[in-house]
PDB file of N, CA and C in Angstrom:
ATOM      1  N   MET A   1      17.582  12.692 -20.885  1.00  0.00           N
ATOM      2  CA  MET A   1      16.567  10.760 -20.989  1.00  0.00           C
ATOM      3  C   MET A   1      17.897   9.850 -20.279  1.00  0.00           C
ATOM      4  N   GLN A   2      16.776   9.254 -18.825  1.00  0.00           N
ATOM      5  CA  GLN A   2      17.149   8.501 -19.090  1.00  0.00           C
ATOM      6  C   GLN A   2      17.418   7.123 -19.091  1.00  0.00           C
ATOM      7  N   PRO A   3      18.246   5.964 -18.968  1.00  0.00           N
ATOM      8  CA  PRO A   3      18.483   5.724 -20.130  1.00  0.00           C
ATOM      9  C   PRO A   3      17.551   3.721 -19.445  1.00  0.00           C
ATOM     10  N   LEU A   4      16.963   3.351 -20.668  1.00  0.00           N
ATOM     11  CA  LEU A   4      16.473   1.696 -20.443  1.00  0.00           C
ATOM     12  C   LEU A   4      16.471   1.454 -19.219  1.00  0.00           C
ATOM     13  N   PHE A   5      17.886   0.356 -18.544  1.00  0.00           N
ATOM     14  CA  PHE A   5      17.498  -0.010 -17.457  1.00  0.00           C
ATOM     15  C   PHE A   5      17.579   0.596 -16.075  1.00  0.00           C
ATOM     16  N   GLN A   6      17.714   1.503 -16.139  1.00  0.00           N
ATOM     17  CA  GLN A   6      17.608   2.517 -14.785  1.00  0.00           C
ATOM     18  C   GLN A   6      15.721   2.370 -14.396  1.00  0.00           C
ATOM     19  N   SER A   7      14.515   2.766 -15.736  1.00  0.00           N
ATOM     20  CA  SER A   7      13.605   2.699 -15.830  1.00  0.00           C
ATOM     21  C   SER A   7      13.172   1.319 -15.672  1.00  0.00           C
ATOM     22  N   LYS A   8      13.843   0.402 -16.187  1.00  0.00           N
ATOM     23  CA  LYS A   8      13.509  -1.174 -15.330  1.00  0.00           C
ATOM     24  C   LYS A   8      13.530  -1.158 -14.148  1.00  0.00           C
ATOM     25  N   THR A   9      14.724  -0.711 -13.845  1.00  0.00           N
ATOM     26  CA  THR A   9      15.144  -1.021 -12.342  1.00  0.00           C
ATOM     27  C   THR A   9      13.673  -0.596 -11.347  1.00  0.00           C
ATOM     28  N   SER A  10      13.973   1.180 -11.703  1.00  0.00           N
ATOM     29  CA  SER A  10      13.173   1.829 -10.903  1.00  0.00           C
ATOM     30  C   SER A  10      11.593   1.392 -10.811  1.00  0.00           C
ATOM     31  N   THR A  11      10.989   0.597 -11.975  1.00  0.00           N
ATOM     32  CA  THR A  11      10.103   0.207 -12.548  1.00  0.00           C
ATOM     33  C   THR A  11       9.937  -1.464 -11.597  1.00  0.00           C
ATOM     34  N   MET A  12      11.238  -1.796 -11.530  1.00  0.00           N
ATOM     35  CA  MET A  12      11.111  -3.377 -10.436  1.00  0.00           C
ATOM     36  C   MET A  12      11.147  -2.940  -9.565  1.00  0.00           C
ATOM     37  N   GLN A  13      11.799  -1.388  -8.658  1.00  0.00           N
ATOM     38  CA  GLN A  13      11.154  -1.216  -7.211  1.00  0.00           C
ATOM     39  C   GLN A  13      10.232  -0.912  -7.054  1.00  0.00           C
ATOM     40  N   LEU A  14       9.957  -0.565  -7.341  1.00  0.00           N
ATOM     41  CA  LEU A  14       8.099   0.294  -7.766  1.00  0.00           C
ATOM     42  C   LEU A  14       7.311  -0.812  -7.233  1.00  0.00           C
ATOM     43  N   GLN A  15       7.525  -2.167  -8.324  1.00  0.00           N
ATOM     44  CA  GLN A  15       6.466  -3.291  -8.118  1.00  0.00           C
ATOM     45  C   GLN A  15       6.879  -3.632  -6.856  1.00  0.00           C
ATOM     46  N   ALA A  16       8.567  -4.086  -6.173  1.00  0.00           N
ATOM     47  CA  ALA A  16       8.423  -5.022  -5.052  1.00  0.00           C
ATOM     48  C   ALA A  16       8.123  -4.012  -3.847  1.00  0.00           C
ATOM     49  N   LEU A  17       8.272  -1.875  -3.791  1.00  0.00           N
ATOM     50  CA  LEU A  17       7.637  -2.079  -2.295  1.00  0.00           C
ATOM     51  C   LEU A  17       5.767  -2.513  -2.507  1.00  0.00           C
ATOM     52  N   ILE A  18       5.186  -1.780  -3.739  1.00  0.00           N
ATOM     53  CA  ILE A  18       3.612  -1.977  -3.340  1.00  0.00           C
ATOM     54  C   ILE A  18       3.546  -3.247  -2.945  1.00  0.00           C
ATOM     55  N   ALA A  19       4.247  -4.455  -3.639  1.00  0.00           N
ATOM     56  CA  ALA A  19       4.179  -6.098  -3.529  1.00  0.00           C
ATOM     57  C   ALA A  19       3.953  -6.275  -1.692  1.00  0.00           C
ATOM     58  N   ASP A  20       5.280  -5.253  -1.128  1.00  0.00           N
ATOM     59  CA  ASP A  20       6.070  -5.714   0.257  1.00  0.00           C
ATOM     60  C   ASP A  20       4.335  -4.659   0.862  1.00  0.00           C
ATOM     61  N   LEU A  21       4.080  -3.994   0.125  1.00  0.00           N
ATOM     62  CA  LEU A  21       3.139  -2.569   1.414  1.00  0.00           C
ATOM     63  C   LEU A  21       1.433  -3.607   1.000  1.00  0.00           C
ATOM     64  N   ARG A  22       1.374  -4.191   0.242  1.00  0.00           N
ATOM     65  CA  ARG A  22       0.515  -4.322   0.123  1.00  0.00           C
ATOM     66  C   ARG A  22       0.205  -6.224   0.871  1.00  0.00           C
ATOM     67  N   TRP A  23       1.266  -6.153   1.175  1.00  0.00           N
ATOM     68  CA  TRP A  23       1.327  -7.663   2.446  1.00  0.00           C
ATOM     69  C   TRP A  23       1.591  -7.007   3.472  1.00  0.00           C
ATOM     70  N   LYS A  24       1.611  -6.248   3.835  1.00  0.00           N
ATOM     71  CA  LYS A  24       1.506  -5.439   5.215  1.00  0.00           C
ATOM     72  C   LYS A  24       0.502  -4.874   5.548  1.00  0.00           C
ATOM     73  N   VAL A  25      -0.241  -4.490   4.489  1.00  0.00           N
ATOM     74  CA  VAL A  25      -1.843  -4.254   4.636  1.00  0.00           C
ATOM     75  C   VAL A  25      -2.236  -5.715   4.662  1.00  0.00           C
ATOM     76  N   GLN A  26      -1.876  -7.019   4.447  1.00  0.00           N
ATOM     77  CA  GLN A  26      -3.014  -7.340   4.465  1.00  0.00           C
ATOM     78  C   GLN A  26      -2.801  -8.590   5.925  1.00  0.00           C
ATOM     79  N   LEU A  27      -1.506  -7.977   6.263  1.00  0.00           N
ATOM     80  CA  LEU A  27      -1.151  -8.909   8.153  1.00  0.00           C
ATOM     81  C   LEU A  27      -1.402  -7.017   8.609  1.00  0.00           C
ATOM     82  N   LEU A  28      -2.321  -6.427   8.291  1.00  0.00           N
ATOM     83  CA  LEU A  28      -2.419  -5.199   9.588  1.00  0.00           C
ATOM     84  C   LEU A  28      -4.350  -5.778   9.558  1.00  0.00           C
ATOM     85  N   ASP A  29      -4.896  -5.952   8.536  1.00  0.00           N
ATOM     86  CA  ASP A  29      -6.294  -6.888   8.283  1.00  0.00           C
ATOM     87  C   ASP A  29      -6.661  -7.892   9.095  1.00  0.00           C
ATOM     88  N   SER A  30      -5.626  -8.078   9.360  1.00  0.00           N
ATOM     89  CA  SER A  30      -5.532 -10.001  10.242  1.00  0.00           C
ATOM     90  C   SER A  30      -5.615  -8.644  12.027  1.00  0.00           C
ATOM     91  N   ASP A  31      -4.464  -8.322  12.139  1.00  0.00           N
ATOM     92  CA  ASP A  31      -4.399  -7.786  13.196  1.00  0.00           C
ATOM     93  C   ASP A  31      -5.327  -7.674  13.992  1.00  0.00           C
ATOM     94  N   ILE A  32      -5.954  -6.385  12.538  1.00  0.00           N
ATOM     95  CA  ILE A  32      -7.229  -5.980  13.351  1.00  0.00           C
ATOM     96  C   ILE A  32      -8.705  -6.550  13.545  1.00  0.00           C
ATOM     97  N   GLN A  33      -9.019  -8.147  12.463  1.00  0.00           N
ATOM     98  CA  GLN A  33     -10.388  -8.609  12.984  1.00  0.00           C
ATOM     99  C   GLN A  33      -9.264  -9.210  14.238  1.00  0.00           C
ATOM    100  N   ASP A  34      -8.638  -9.586  14.567  1.00  0.00           N
ATOM    101  CA  ASP A  34      -7.841 -10.284  15.925  1.00  0.00           C
ATOM    102  C   ASP A  34      -8.325  -9.113  16.874  1.00  0.00           C
ATOM    103  N   GLU A  35      -8.518  -8.798  17.000  1.00  0.00           N
ATOM    104  CA  GLU A  35      -8.582  -7.222  18.060  1.00  0.00           C
ATOM    105  C   GLU A  35      -9.872  -7.367  17.969  1.00  0.00           C
ATOM    106  N   GLU A  36     -11.439  -7.422  17.265  1.00  0.00           N
ATOM    107  CA  GLU A  36     -12.132  -6.971  17.272  1.00  0.00           C
ATOM    108  C   GLU A  36     -12.966  -8.535  17.553  1.00  0.00           C
ATOM    109  N   GLN A  37     -12.677  -9.317  17.102  1.00  0.00           N
ATOM    110  CA  GLN A  37     -12.957 -10.829  17.897  1.00  0.00           C
ATOM    111  C   GLN A  37     -12.435 -10.346  19.540  1.00  0.00           C
ATOM    112  N   ARG A  38     -11.587  -9.989  19.866  1.00  0.00           N
ATOM    113  CA  ARG A  38     -10.912 -10.313  21.234  1.00  0.00           C
ATOM    114  C   ARG A  38     -11.940  -9.406  21.839  1.00  0.00           C
ATOM    115  N   ALA A  39     -11.748  -8.033  21.383  1.00  0.00           N
ATOM    116  CA  ALA A  39     -12.767  -7.425  22.029  1.00  0.00           C
ATOM    117  C   ALA A  39     -14.404  -7.426  22.101  1.00  0.00           C
ATOM    118  N   ARG A  40     -14.865  -8.530  21.570  1.00  0.00           N
ATOM    119  CA  ARG A  40     -15.767  -8.721  21.021  1.00  0.00           C
ATOM    120  C   ARG A  40     -16.664  -7.410  20.088  1.00  0.00           C
ATOM    121  N   VAL A  41     -16.023  -6.146  19.451  1.00  0.00           N
ATOM    122  CA  VAL A  41     -16.307  -5.196  19.114  1.00  0.00           C
ATOM    123  C   VAL A  41     -16.008  -4.900  17.619  1.00  0.00           C
ATOM    124  N   SER A  42     -17.147  -4.962  16.753  1.00  0.00           N
ATOM    125  CA  SER A  42     -16.310  -4.957  15.126  1.00  0.00           C
ATOM    126  C   SER A  42     -16.885  -3.452  15.181  1.00  0.00           C
ATOM    127  N   ASP A  43     -16.922  -2.688  15.310  1.00  0.00           N
ATOM    128  CA  ASP A  43     -18.300  -1.401  14.834  1.00  0.00           C
ATOM    129  C   ASP A  43     -17.137  -0.445  15.065  1.00  0.00           C
ATOM    130  N   PRO A  44     -16.175  -0.039  14.609  1.00  0.00           N
ATOM    131  CA  PRO A  44     -15.586   1.209  14.930  1.00  0.00           C
ATOM    132  C   PRO A  44     -16.526   2.776  15.614  1.00  0.00           C
ATOM    133  N   THR A  45     -17.799   2.495  15.270  1.00  0.00           N
ATOM    134  CA  THR A  45     -18.303   3.904  15.438  1.00  0.00           C
ATOM    135  C   THR A  45     -18.847   3.425  16.926  1.00  0.00           C
ATOM    136  N   ALA A  46     -18.773   2.446  17.392  1.00  0.00           N
ATOM    137  CA  ALA A  46     -18.840   2.283  18.768  1.00  0.00           C
ATOM    138  C   ALA A  46     -17.643   2.742  19.976  1.00  0.00           C
ATOM    139  N   LEU A  47     -19.026   3.071  20.711  1.00  0.00           N
ATOM    140  CA  LEU A  47     -17.471   3.380  22.288  1.00  0.00           C
ATOM    141  C   LEU A  47     -16.211   2.202  22.782  1.00  0.00           C
ATOM    142  N   ALA A  48     -17.202   1.219  22.804  1.00  0.00           N
ATOM    143  CA  ALA A  48     -16.291  -0.300  22.895  1.00  0.00           C
ATOM    144  C   ALA A  48     -15.363  -0.479  22.149  1.00  0.00           C
ATOM    145  N   TYR A  49     -15.348  -0.126  20.543  1.00  0.00           N
ATOM    146  CA  TYR A  49     -14.424  -0.465  19.742  1.00  0.00           C
ATOM    147  C   TYR A  49     -12.904   0.082  20.144  1.00  0.00           C
ATOM    148  N   PRO A  50     -12.078  -0.854  20.295  1.00  0.00           N
ATOM    149  CA  PRO A  50     -10.337  -1.223  20.801  1.00  0.00           C
ATOM    150  C   PRO A  50      -9.816  -0.138  19.856  1.00  0.00           C
ATOM    151  N   MET A  51      -9.120   0.610  20.798  1.00  0.00           N
ATOM    152  CA  MET A  51      -8.358   2.027  20.349  1.00  0.00           C
ATOM    153  C   MET A  51      -7.289   0.950  19.526  1.00  0.00           C
ATOM    154  N   LEU A  52      -6.379  -0.198  20.419  1.00  0.00           N
ATOM    155  CA  LEU A  52      -5.757  -0.598  19.182  1.00  0.00           C
ATOM    156  C   LEU A  52      -6.063  -1.103  17.319  1.00  0.00           C
ATOM    157  N   ALA A  53      -7.297  -1.407  17.224  1.00  0.00           N
ATOM    158  CA  ALA A  53      -8.356  -1.990  16.543  1.00  0.00           C
ATOM    159  C   ALA A  53      -8.291  -0.266  14.937  1.00  0.00           C
ATOM    160  N   ILE A  54      -8.565   0.742  15.974  1.00  0.00           N
ATOM    161  CA  ILE A  54      -8.576   1.954  15.521  1.00  0.00           C
ATOM    162  C   ILE A  54      -7.315   2.802  15.250  1.00  0.00           C
ATOM    163  N   THR A  55      -6.137   2.531  16.109  1.00  0.00           N
ATOM    164  CA  THR A  55      -4.603   2.827  15.602  1.00  0.00           C
ATOM    165  C   THR A  55      -4.025   1.814  14.259  1.00  0.00           C
ATOM    166  N   LEU A  56      -4.804   0.362  13.828  1.00  0.00           N
ATOM    167  CA  LEU A  56      -4.265  -0.036  13.415  1.00  0.00           C
ATOM    168  C   LEU A  56      -4.767  -0.188  11.989  1.00  0.00           C
ATOM    169  N   ARG A  57      -6.357   0.797  12.004  1.00  0.00           N
ATOM    170  CA  ARG A  57      -7.227   1.014  10.969  1.00  0.00           C
ATOM    171  C   ARG A  57      -6.400   2.490   9.890  1.00  0.00           C
ATOM    172  N   GLY A  58      -5.852   3.295  11.164  1.00  0.00           N
ATOM    173  CA  GLY A  58      -5.222   4.648  10.528  1.00  0.00           C
ATOM    174  C   GLY A  58      -3.598   4.258   9.715  1.00  0.00           C
ATOM    175  N   ARG A  59      -3.044   2.800  10.620  1.00  0.00           N
ATOM    176  CA  ARG A  59      -2.178   2.941   9.648  1.00  0.00           C
ATOM    177  C   ARG A  59      -1.939   2.333   8.534  1.00  0.00           C
ATOM    178  N   ARG A  60      -3.384   1.428   8.143  1.00  0.00           N
ATOM    179  CA  ARG A  60      -3.541   0.206   6.939  1.00  0.00           C
ATOM    180  C   ARG A  60      -4.176   2.054   5.764  1.00  0.00           C
ATOM    181  N   GLU A  61      -4.999   2.668   6.512  1.00  0.00           N
ATOM    182  CA  GLU A  61      -5.091   3.608   5.863  1.00  0.00           C
ATOM    183  C   GLU A  61      -4.472   4.373   4.859  1.00  0.00           C
ATOM    184  N   ASN A  62      -3.737   4.588   5.849  1.00  0.00           N
ATOM    185  CA  ASN A  62      -1.948   5.417   5.339  1.00  0.00           C
ATOM    186  C   ASN A  62      -1.670   4.930   4.336  1.00  0.00           C
ATOM    187  N   LEU A  63      -1.069   3.442   4.216  1.00  0.00           N
ATOM    188  CA  LEU A  63      -0.661   2.229   3.786  1.00  0.00           C
ATOM    189  C   LEU A  63      -1.553   2.857   2.208  1.00  0.00           C
ATOM    190  N   LEU A  64      -2.936   1.609   2.285  1.00  0.00           N
ATOM    191  CA  LEU A  64      -3.405   2.214   0.872  1.00  0.00           C
ATOM    192  C   LEU A  64      -3.113   3.658   0.314  1.00  0.00           C
ATOM    193  N   VAL A  65      -3.687   4.544   0.793  1.00  0.00           N
ATOM    194  CA  VAL A  65      -2.613   5.764   0.185  1.00  0.00           C
ATOM    195  C   VAL A  65      -1.760   5.843  -0.366  1.00  0.00           C
ATOM    196  N   THR A  66      -0.666   5.832   0.717  1.00  0.00           N
ATOM    197  CA  THR A  66       0.868   5.369  -0.111  1.00  0.00           C
ATOM    198  C   THR A  66       1.239   4.348  -1.567  1.00  0.00           C
ATOM    199  N   ILE A  67      -0.256   3.194  -1.325  1.00  0.00           N
ATOM    200  CA  ILE A  67       0.185   2.201  -2.488  1.00  0.00           C
ATOM    201  C   ILE A  67       0.283   3.190  -3.303  1.00  0.00           C
ATOM    202  N   ALA A  68      -1.360   3.224  -3.398  1.00  0.00           N
ATOM    203  CA  ALA A  68      -2.359   4.252  -4.602  1.00  0.00           C
ATOM    204  C   ALA A  68      -1.637   5.105  -5.575  1.00  0.00           C
ATOM    205  N   ALA A  69      -0.600   6.438  -4.475  1.00  0.00           N
ATOM    206  CA  ALA A  69       0.877   6.771  -5.001  1.00  0.00           C
ATOM    207  C   ALA A  69       1.376   6.073  -5.525  1.00  0.00           C
ATOM    208  N   LEU A  70       2.188   5.280  -5.253  1.00  0.00           N
ATOM    209  CA  LEU A  70       3.112   4.476  -5.836  1.00  0.00           C
ATOM    210  C   LEU A  70       2.652   3.993  -7.199  1.00  0.00           C
ATOM    211  N   GLU A  71       1.711   3.375  -7.497  1.00  0.00           N
ATOM    212  CA  GLU A  71       0.982   3.214  -8.931  1.00  0.00           C
ATOM    213  C   GLU A  71       0.868   4.146  -9.296  1.00  0.00           C
ATOM    214  N   ASP A  72       0.715   5.381  -9.271  1.00  0.00           N
ATOM    215  CA  ASP A  72       0.887   6.225 -10.146  1.00  0.00           C
ATOM    216  C   ASP A  72       1.943   6.558 -10.372  1.00  0.00           C
ATOM    217  N   ARG A  73       3.439   6.659  -9.787  1.00  0.00           N
ATOM    218  CA  ARG A  73       4.561   7.167  -9.769  1.00  0.00           C
ATOM    219  C   ARG A  73       4.548   5.849 -10.984  1.00  0.00           C
ATOM    220  N   LEU A  74       4.546   4.274 -10.371  1.00  0.00           N
ATOM    221  CA  LEU A  74       4.504   3.255 -11.399  1.00  0.00           C
ATOM    222  C   LEU A  74       3.921   3.239 -13.249  1.00  0.00           C
ATOM    223  N   LYS A  75       2.986   4.353 -13.292  1.00  0.00           N
ATOM    224  CA  LYS A  75       2.358   4.239 -14.345  1.00  0.00           C
ATOM    225  C   LYS A  75       3.606   5.626 -15.072  1.00  0.00           C
ATOM    226  N   ALA A  76       3.172   6.254 -14.337  1.00  0.00           N
ATOM    227  CA  ALA A  76       4.553   7.850 -14.971  1.00  0.00           C
ATOM    228  C   ALA A  76       5.598   7.150 -15.229  1.00  0.00           C
ATOM    229  N   VAL A  77       6.415   5.653 -14.877  1.00  0.00           N
ATOM    230  CA  VAL A  77       7.416   5.186 -15.146  1.00  0.00           C
ATOM    231  C   VAL A  77       7.671   4.200 -15.848  1.00  0.00           C
ATOM    232  N   ASP A  78       6.456   4.032 -16.136  1.00  0.00           N
ATOM    233  CA  ASP A  78       5.737   2.869 -17.404  1.00  0.00           C
ATOM    234  C   ASP A  78       6.133   3.593 -18.649  1.00  0.00           C
ATOM    235  N   SER A  79       4.788   4.862 -18.594  1.00  0.00           N
ATOM    236  CA  SER A  79       4.557   5.239 -19.892  1.00  0.00           C
ATOM    237  C   SER A  79       6.217   6.338 -20.690  1.00  0.00           C
ATOM    238  N   ALA A  80       6.845   7.239 -19.864  1.00  0.00           N
ATOM    239  CA  ALA A  80       8.465   7.659 -19.804  1.00  0.00           C
ATOM    240  C   ALA A  80       8.840   6.371 -20.589  1.00  0.00           C
ATOM    241  N   THR A  81       8.787   5.464 -20.870  1.00  0.00           N
ATOM    242  CA  THR A  81       9.784   3.919 -20.349  1.00  0.00           C
ATOM    243  C   THR A  81       9.275   3.985 -22.147  1.00  0.00           C
ATOM    244  N   GLU A  82       7.492   3.998 -22.533  1.00  0.00           N
ATOM    245  CA  GLU A  82       7.146   3.261 -23.428  1.00  0.00           C
ATOM    246  C   GLU A  82       6.839   4.573 -24.351  1.00  0.00           C
ATOM    247  N   TRP A  83       7.317   6.137 -24.326  1.00  0.00           N
ATOM    248  CA  TRP A  83       7.530   7.849 -25.001  1.00  0.00           C
ATOM    249  C   TRP A  83       9.375   6.855 -25.235  1.00  0.00           C
ATOM    250  N   THR A  84      10.015   7.363 -24.483  1.00  0.00           N
ATOM    251  CA  THR A  84      11.826   6.492 -24.617  1.00  0.00           C
ATOM    252  C   THR A  84      11.718   5.377 -26.042  1.00  0.00           C
ATOM    253  N   ARG A  85      11.167   4.882 -25.683  1.00  0.00           N
ATOM    254  CA  ARG A  85      11.466   3.747 -26.701  1.00  0.00           C
ATOM    255  C   ARG A  85      11.278   3.566 -28.592  1.00  0.00           C
ATOM    256  N   ALA A  86       9.841   4.699 -27.867  1.00  0.00           N
ATOM    257  CA  ALA A  86       8.749   5.056 -29.002  1.00  0.00           C
ATOM    258  C   ALA A  86       9.454   6.151 -29.982  1.00  0.00           C
ATOM    259  N   ALA A  87      10.636   7.032 -29.286  1.00  0.00           N
ATOM    260  CA  ALA A  87      11.438   7.722 -29.931  1.00  0.00           C
ATOM    261  C   ALA A  87      13.043   7.710 -30.839  1.00  0.00           C
TER     262      ALA A  87
END
């Protein structure tokens, strides 16, 4: 059984990490938009679409998958904490 203070620490750490990753996604969104404006191409399927924007989109998608996984873990930690409190 995990002590309650460790659960709170884990929850806080996960929340901080998720917030940081969301901020990085916003930065990537801004960088993608800047690159699209610079190249004057906003359609990712166009042949002239910038390689940098393609790479940044890939990074952004990876971060979004990571955020979803961390949110699932956060829900698991929260439910385990609730179960411990009930016991």
